[in-house]
């Protein structure tokens, strides 16, 4: 073989090796980026689940407060009706207009 042919084959081998190394490096980088994205998606999903749980607890607490306020309102209405009855009894049954 001539020296030129050996150099050409050597250059071709180096070019192929360089291409393959570059390809593997790019593949590793893509894999890392995919891993980072998947991790961030998992974290986001966990945060959404945590927020949903917080919203559920707040909603339950507000529902309990509404029920308590409605019970208080009903109690006040009953007391008002009782007071109105007593006032009417004291006035002799006459109600002012």
N, C-alpha and C. Protein backbone atom coordinates (compact mmCIF):
# COMPACT_ATOMS: atom_id res chain seq x y z
N UNK A 1 0.83 -1.18 0.00
CA UNK A 1 0.00 0.00 0.00
C UNK A 1 0.87 1.23 0.00
N UNK A 2 0.31 2.20 -0.61
CA UNK A 2 1.01 3.48 -0.65
C UNK A 2 0.69 4.27 0.60
N UNK A 3 1.55 5.14 0.92
CA UNK A 3 1.39 5.98 2.11
C UNK A 3 0.13 6.83 2.02
N UNK A 4 -0.23 7.30 0.84
CA UNK A 4 -1.44 8.11 0.64
C UNK A 4 -2.69 7.33 0.98
N UNK A 5 -2.72 6.05 0.60
CA UNK A 5 -3.87 5.21 0.89
C UNK A 5 -3.98 4.97 2.39
N UNK A 6 -2.86 4.76 3.03
CA UNK A 6 -2.86 4.55 4.48
C UNK A 6 -3.36 5.81 5.20
N UNK A 7 -2.92 6.95 4.75
CA UNK A 7 -3.36 8.22 5.36
C UNK A 7 -4.85 8.41 5.13
N UNK A 8 -5.34 8.10 3.93
CA UNK A 8 -6.76 8.25 3.63
C UNK A 8 -7.59 7.31 4.50
N UNK A 9 -7.18 6.08 4.65
CA UNK A 9 -7.91 5.11 5.48
C UNK A 9 -7.84 5.55 6.94
N UNK A 10 -6.69 6.01 7.39
CA UNK A 10 -6.54 6.50 8.77
C UNK A 10 -7.42 7.70 9.02
N UNK A 11 -7.47 8.61 8.08
CA UNK A 11 -8.31 9.80 8.21
C UNK A 11 -9.78 9.41 8.26
N UNK A 12 -10.15 8.45 7.42
CA UNK A 12 -11.53 7.97 7.42
C UNK A 12 -11.88 7.33 8.76
N UNK A 13 -10.96 6.53 9.32
CA UNK A 13 -11.19 5.88 10.61
C UNK A 13 -11.34 6.93 11.72
N UNK A 14 -10.49 7.96 11.69
CA UNK A 14 -10.57 9.03 12.69
C UNK A 14 -11.89 9.79 12.54
N UNK A 15 -12.30 10.05 11.31
CA UNK A 15 -13.57 10.75 11.08
C UNK A 15 -14.75 9.95 11.60
N UNK A 16 -14.76 8.66 11.32
CA UNK A 16 -15.85 7.79 11.79
C UNK A 16 -15.84 7.74 13.31
N UNK A 17 -14.67 7.58 13.91
CA UNK A 17 -14.57 7.55 15.37
C UNK A 17 -15.06 8.87 15.97
N UNK A 18 -14.66 9.97 15.38
CA UNK A 18 -15.11 11.29 15.86
C UNK A 18 -16.61 11.44 15.77
N UNK A 19 -17.16 10.97 14.65
CA UNK A 19 -18.61 11.03 14.47
C UNK A 19 -19.31 10.21 15.54
N UNK A 20 -18.83 8.98 15.78
CA UNK A 20 -19.46 8.11 16.76
C UNK A 20 -19.34 8.68 18.18
N UNK A 21 -18.18 9.24 18.52
CA UNK A 21 -18.00 9.85 19.84
C UNK A 21 -18.94 11.04 20.00
N UNK A 22 -19.03 11.86 18.97
CA UNK A 22 -19.94 13.01 19.01
C UNK A 22 -21.39 12.57 19.15
N UNK A 23 -21.72 11.52 18.45
CA UNK A 23 -23.09 10.99 18.49
C UNK A 23 -23.42 10.47 19.89
N UNK A 24 -22.48 9.73 20.50
CA UNK A 24 -22.68 9.21 21.85
C UNK A 24 -22.79 10.35 22.87
N UNK A 25 -21.96 11.37 22.70
CA UNK A 25 -22.01 12.52 23.61
C UNK A 25 -23.35 13.22 23.51
N UNK A 26 -23.83 13.41 22.28
CA UNK A 26 -25.13 14.06 22.08
C UNK A 26 -26.24 13.20 22.66
N UNK A 27 -26.10 11.89 22.51
CA UNK A 27 -27.11 10.98 23.04
C UNK A 27 -27.13 11.04 24.57
N UNK A 28 -25.95 11.11 25.20
CA UNK A 28 -25.88 11.24 26.66
C UNK A 28 -26.50 12.56 27.11
N UNK A 29 -26.20 13.62 26.37
CA UNK A 29 -26.74 14.94 26.73
C UNK A 29 -28.27 14.92 26.60
N UNK A 30 -28.77 14.33 25.52
CA UNK A 30 -30.22 14.22 25.35
C UNK A 30 -30.84 13.39 26.47
N UNK A 31 -30.16 12.33 26.86
CA UNK A 31 -30.64 11.48 27.95
C UNK A 31 -30.69 12.24 29.26
N UNK A 32 -29.65 13.03 29.53
CA UNK A 32 -29.64 13.85 30.74
C UNK A 32 -30.78 14.86 30.72
N UNK A 33 -30.96 15.52 29.60
CA UNK A 33 -32.03 16.51 29.49
C UNK A 33 -33.40 15.85 29.67
N UNK A 34 -33.57 14.67 29.10
CA UNK A 34 -34.83 13.95 29.26
C UNK A 34 -35.04 13.58 30.72
N UNK A 35 -33.99 13.15 31.38
CA UNK A 35 -34.07 12.82 32.80
C UNK A 35 -34.44 14.02 33.65
N UNK A 36 -33.85 15.17 33.34
CA UNK A 36 -34.17 16.40 34.07
C UNK A 36 -35.64 16.77 33.86
N UNK A 37 -36.09 16.67 32.63
CA UNK A 37 -37.48 17.01 32.33
C UNK A 37 -38.44 16.06 33.06
N UNK A 38 -38.14 14.78 33.04
CA UNK A 38 -39.00 13.80 33.72
C UNK A 38 -39.01 14.05 35.23
N UNK A 39 -37.86 14.39 35.79
CA UNK A 39 -37.79 14.69 37.22
C UNK A 39 -38.63 15.92 37.55
N UNK A 40 -38.53 16.94 36.71
CA UNK A 40 -39.31 18.15 36.94
C UNK A 40 -40.81 17.86 36.80
N UNK A 41 -41.18 17.02 35.86
CA UNK A 41 -42.59 16.65 35.71
C UNK A 41 -43.09 15.88 36.93
N UNK A 42 -42.26 14.99 37.46
CA UNK A 42 -42.63 14.27 38.68
C UNK A 42 -42.82 15.23 39.85
N UNK A 43 -41.88 16.18 39.98
CA UNK A 43 -41.99 17.18 41.05
C UNK A 43 -43.24 18.01 40.88
N UNK A 44 -43.53 18.38 39.65
CA UNK A 44 -44.73 19.17 39.37
C UNK A 44 -45.99 18.38 39.73
N UNK A 45 -46.01 17.12 39.38
CA UNK A 45 -47.15 16.26 39.73
C UNK A 45 -47.31 16.15 41.24
N UNK A 46 -46.21 16.01 41.96
CA UNK A 46 -46.27 15.93 43.43
C UNK A 46 -46.79 17.24 44.01
N UNK A 47 -46.33 18.37 43.46
CA UNK A 47 -46.79 19.67 43.94
C UNK A 47 -48.28 19.86 43.67
N UNK A 48 -48.74 19.41 42.52
CA UNK A 48 -50.17 19.52 42.18
C UNK A 48 -50.99 18.68 43.15
N UNK A 49 -50.51 17.47 43.46
CA UNK A 49 -51.22 16.62 44.42
C UNK A 49 -51.27 17.27 45.79
N UNK A 50 -50.16 17.89 46.19
CA UNK A 50 -50.12 18.57 47.49
C UNK A 50 -51.09 19.75 47.51
N UNK A 51 -51.13 20.51 46.42
CA UNK A 51 -52.05 21.64 46.35
C UNK A 51 -53.50 21.18 46.34
N UNK A 52 -53.79 20.09 45.66
CA UNK A 52 -55.16 19.55 45.66
C UNK A 52 -55.57 19.16 47.07
N UNK A 53 -54.65 18.54 47.83
CA UNK A 53 -54.95 18.15 49.20
C UNK A 53 -55.21 19.39 50.06
N UNK A 54 -54.42 20.44 49.86
CA UNK A 54 -54.64 21.68 50.61
C UNK A 54 -55.99 22.29 50.28
N UNK A 55 -56.33 22.31 49.00
CA UNK A 55 -57.62 22.86 48.58
C UNK A 55 -58.76 22.05 49.19
N UNK A 56 -58.62 20.73 49.23
CA UNK A 56 -59.64 19.88 49.84
C UNK A 56 -59.81 20.20 51.32
N UNK A 57 -58.67 20.37 52.04
CA UNK A 57 -58.75 20.69 53.47
C UNK A 57 -59.40 22.05 53.69
N UNK A 58 -59.03 23.03 52.88
CA UNK A 58 -59.62 24.37 53.01
C UNK A 58 -61.10 24.33 52.70
N UNK A 59 -61.47 23.60 51.65
CA UNK A 59 -62.88 23.47 51.27
C UNK A 59 -63.68 22.82 52.40
N UNK A 60 -63.12 21.77 53.00
CA UNK A 60 -63.80 21.09 54.10
C UNK A 60 -63.96 22.04 55.28
N UNK A 61 -62.92 22.79 55.58
CA UNK A 61 -62.99 23.74 56.70
C UNK A 61 -64.05 24.81 56.43
N UNK A 62 -64.10 25.31 55.20
CA UNK A 62 -65.11 26.32 54.85
C UNK A 62 -66.52 25.73 54.91
N UNK A 63 -66.67 24.50 54.46
CA UNK A 63 -67.98 23.84 54.54
C UNK A 63 -68.43 23.71 55.99
N UNK A 64 -67.49 23.36 56.87
CA UNK A 64 -67.81 23.25 58.29
C UNK A 64 -68.20 24.61 58.87
N UNK A 65 -67.50 25.66 58.45
CA UNK A 65 -67.83 26.99 58.94
C UNK A 65 -69.21 27.42 58.45
N UNK A 66 -69.54 27.11 57.21
CA UNK A 66 -70.86 27.46 56.67
C UNK A 66 -71.94 26.73 57.45
N UNK A 67 -71.73 25.44 57.72
CA UNK A 67 -72.71 24.68 58.49
C UNK A 67 -72.90 25.29 59.88
N UNK A 68 -71.80 25.69 60.51
CA UNK A 68 -71.86 26.31 61.83
C UNK A 68 -72.62 27.64 61.77
N UNK A 69 -72.32 28.44 60.76
CA UNK A 69 -73.00 29.74 60.61
C UNK A 69 -74.49 29.55 60.33
N UNK A 70 -74.84 28.55 59.54
CA UNK A 70 -76.25 28.27 59.27
C UNK A 70 -76.97 27.84 60.55
N UNK A 71 -76.31 27.03 61.37
CA UNK A 71 -76.91 26.61 62.64
C UNK A 71 -77.10 27.82 63.55
N UNK A 72 -76.09 28.71 63.59
CA UNK A 72 -76.21 29.94 64.39
C UNK A 72 -77.35 30.81 63.87
N UNK A 73 -77.47 30.92 62.57
CA UNK A 73 -78.53 31.73 61.97
C UNK A 73 -79.90 31.15 62.33
N UNK A 74 -80.07 29.86 62.26
CA UNK A 74 -81.34 29.22 62.62
C UNK A 74 -81.65 29.45 64.10
N UNK A 75 -80.63 29.34 64.94
CA UNK A 75 -80.81 29.59 66.37
C UNK A 75 -81.25 31.03 66.62
N UNK A 76 -80.62 31.97 65.93
CA UNK A 76 -81.00 33.39 66.09
C UNK A 76 -82.42 33.65 65.60
N UNK A 77 -82.82 32.99 64.52
CA UNK A 77 -84.20 33.15 64.03
C UNK A 77 -85.21 32.63 65.05
N UNK A 78 -84.89 31.49 65.67
CA UNK A 78 -85.78 30.94 66.69
C UNK A 78 -85.86 31.88 67.90
N UNK A 79 -84.74 32.42 68.31
CA UNK A 79 -84.73 33.34 69.45
C UNK A 79 -85.50 34.62 69.12
N UNK A 80 -85.35 35.11 67.88
CA UNK A 80 -86.07 36.30 67.46
C UNK A 80 -87.58 36.05 67.48
N UNK A 81 -87.99 34.90 66.99
CA UNK A 81 -89.42 34.55 66.99
C UNK A 81 -89.93 34.48 68.42
N UNK A 82 -89.14 33.91 69.32
CA UNK A 82 -89.54 33.83 70.72
C UNK A 82 -89.66 35.22 71.34
N UNK A 83 -88.70 36.07 71.04
CA UNK A 83 -88.74 37.45 71.56
C UNK A 83 -89.94 38.21 71.02
N UNK A 84 -90.21 38.03 69.73
CA UNK A 84 -91.37 38.70 69.14
C UNK A 84 -92.66 38.23 69.81
N UNK A 85 -92.74 36.94 70.13
CA UNK A 85 -93.90 36.40 70.82
C UNK A 85 -94.06 37.00 72.20
N UNK A 86 -92.94 37.16 72.91
CA UNK A 86 -93.01 37.75 74.24
C UNK A 86 -93.42 39.21 74.18
N UNK A 87 -92.88 39.94 73.21
CA UNK A 87 -93.24 41.35 73.05
C UNK A 87 -94.72 41.46 72.74
N UNK A 88 -95.21 40.62 71.86
CA UNK A 88 -96.63 40.64 71.52
C UNK A 88 -97.49 40.33 72.75
N UNK A 89 -97.03 39.41 73.57
CA UNK A 89 -97.78 39.06 74.77
C UNK A 89 -97.79 40.24 75.75
N UNK A 90 -96.67 40.93 75.87
CA UNK A 90 -96.60 42.09 76.76
C UNK A 90 -97.45 43.24 76.23
N UNK A 91 -97.53 43.37 74.92
CA UNK A 91 -98.33 44.46 74.33
C UNK A 91 -99.80 44.10 74.29
N UNK A 92 -100.17 42.99 74.74
CA UNK A 92 -101.56 42.58 74.70
C UNK A 92 -101.96 42.02 73.35
N UNK A 93 -101.03 41.52 72.62
CA UNK A 93 -101.34 40.91 71.34
C UNK A 93 -101.35 41.90 70.18
N UNK A 94 -101.22 43.18 70.45
CA UNK A 94 -101.23 44.17 69.38
C UNK A 94 -99.82 44.32 68.86
N UNK A 95 -99.77 44.40 67.59
CA UNK A 95 -98.47 44.57 66.93
C UNK A 95 -98.43 45.90 66.23
N UNK A 96 -97.40 46.72 66.46
CA UNK A 96 -97.33 48.00 65.78
C UNK A 96 -97.04 47.82 64.30
N UNK A 97 -97.55 48.72 63.49
CA UNK A 97 -97.33 48.66 62.04
C UNK A 97 -96.23 49.56 61.63
